[in-house]
C-alpha cells in the first residue's frame, strides 16, 4: 500500500532470503501480481534456521521500496 493506504499496482517485486550464518547461497524469487496490490511468490526454504528475507519493490513511479523480515523456519515434525 502507498502512504495513503491505497494498493500499489504495477510494481516489480523481488525477494531475497539469506540465512543468518555465512556460507549459504541466497534464495531468490520474483513475485507476480495476484490481485489489486497483492503480490505472491513461490519461495523455497532450503533448510531450517534463521533467515533474513528482503523484499524489494520497484514502484511504477520509479521509486524503490525495501523491507527486511526476520523469519525462523522450523522442520515439520
Protein backbone atom coordinates (compact mmCIF):
# COMPACT_ATOMS: atom_id res chain seq x y z
CA UNK A 1 0.00 0.00 0.00
CA UNK A 2 1.10 3.56 -0.53
CA UNK A 3 1.30 6.25 2.16
CA UNK A 4 -2.45 6.87 1.80
CA UNK A 5 -3.20 3.15 2.25
CA UNK A 6 -4.16 2.54 -1.38
CA UNK A 7 -2.98 -0.71 -3.04
CA UNK A 8 0.07 -0.31 -5.30
CA UNK A 9 -0.35 -1.83 -8.72
CA UNK A 10 2.31 -2.42 -11.36
CA UNK A 11 5.28 -2.89 -9.01
CA UNK A 12 8.13 -5.30 -9.76
CA UNK A 13 8.62 -7.24 -6.50
CA UNK A 14 11.71 -9.35 -5.75
CA UNK A 15 12.54 -11.45 -2.68
CA UNK A 16 15.94 -12.49 -1.37
CA UNK A 17 16.35 -14.89 1.52
CA UNK A 18 19.67 -15.12 3.35
CA UNK A 19 20.46 -17.44 6.23
CA UNK A 20 21.74 -15.58 9.27
CA UNK A 21 25.03 -17.51 9.17
CA UNK A 22 27.63 -17.23 6.42
CA UNK A 23 28.24 -19.75 3.68
CA UNK A 24 24.72 -20.36 2.41
CA UNK A 25 23.61 -19.41 -1.08
CA UNK A 26 20.71 -16.93 -1.07
CA UNK A 27 17.23 -17.94 -2.23
CA UNK A 28 15.83 -15.58 -4.89
CA UNK A 29 12.25 -15.22 -6.11
CA UNK A 30 10.15 -12.86 -8.20
CA UNK A 31 6.61 -12.07 -7.14
CA UNK A 32 3.72 -11.61 -9.52
CA UNK A 33 0.52 -9.63 -9.11
CA UNK A 34 -2.35 -11.78 -7.84
CA UNK A 35 -4.95 -9.10 -7.12
CA UNK A 36 -5.12 -5.34 -6.70
CA UNK A 37 -1.98 -4.52 -4.71
CA UNK A 38 -1.36 -8.17 -3.75
CA UNK A 39 1.80 -9.95 -4.91
CA UNK A 40 2.66 -13.64 -4.47
CA UNK A 41 5.86 -15.63 -4.94
CA UNK A 42 6.96 -19.25 -4.71
CA UNK A 43 9.79 -19.26 -2.20
CA UNK A 44 11.75 -22.42 -1.37
CA UNK A 45 13.22 -22.59 2.14
CA UNK A 46 16.32 -24.69 1.53
CA UNK A 47 16.82 -25.52 5.20
CA UNK A 48 15.51 -24.84 8.69
CA UNK A 49 17.03 -21.99 10.66
CA UNK A 50 17.05 -18.23 10.95
CA UNK A 51 16.55 -16.27 7.73
CA UNK A 52 16.55 -12.63 6.73
CA UNK A 53 14.12 -12.01 3.85
CA UNK A 54 14.48 -8.77 1.92
CA UNK A 55 11.52 -7.69 -0.20
CA UNK A 56 12.29 -5.03 -2.80
CA UNK A 57 9.61 -3.34 -4.89
CA UNK A 58 10.36 -1.17 -7.91
CA UNK A 59 7.35 1.14 -7.95
CA UNK A 60 5.65 2.39 -11.14
CA UNK A 61 6.77 5.98 -10.45
CA UNK A 62 10.45 4.92 -10.42
CA UNK A 63 10.96 4.84 -6.65
CA UNK A 64 12.15 1.71 -4.86
CA UNK A 65 10.94 0.40 -1.52
CA UNK A 66 12.64 -2.33 0.51
CA UNK A 67 11.88 -4.07 3.80
CA UNK A 68 13.63 -6.82 5.73
CA UNK A 69 11.90 -9.53 7.74
CA UNK A 70 13.44 -11.95 10.23
CA UNK A 71 11.97 -15.44 9.75
CA UNK A 72 12.54 -18.59 11.80
CA UNK A 73 12.00 -21.70 9.67
CA UNK A 74 11.37 -24.95 11.54
CA UNK A 75 11.18 -28.52 10.30
CA UNK A 76 7.81 -30.18 10.40
CA UNK A 77 7.65 -32.98 12.93
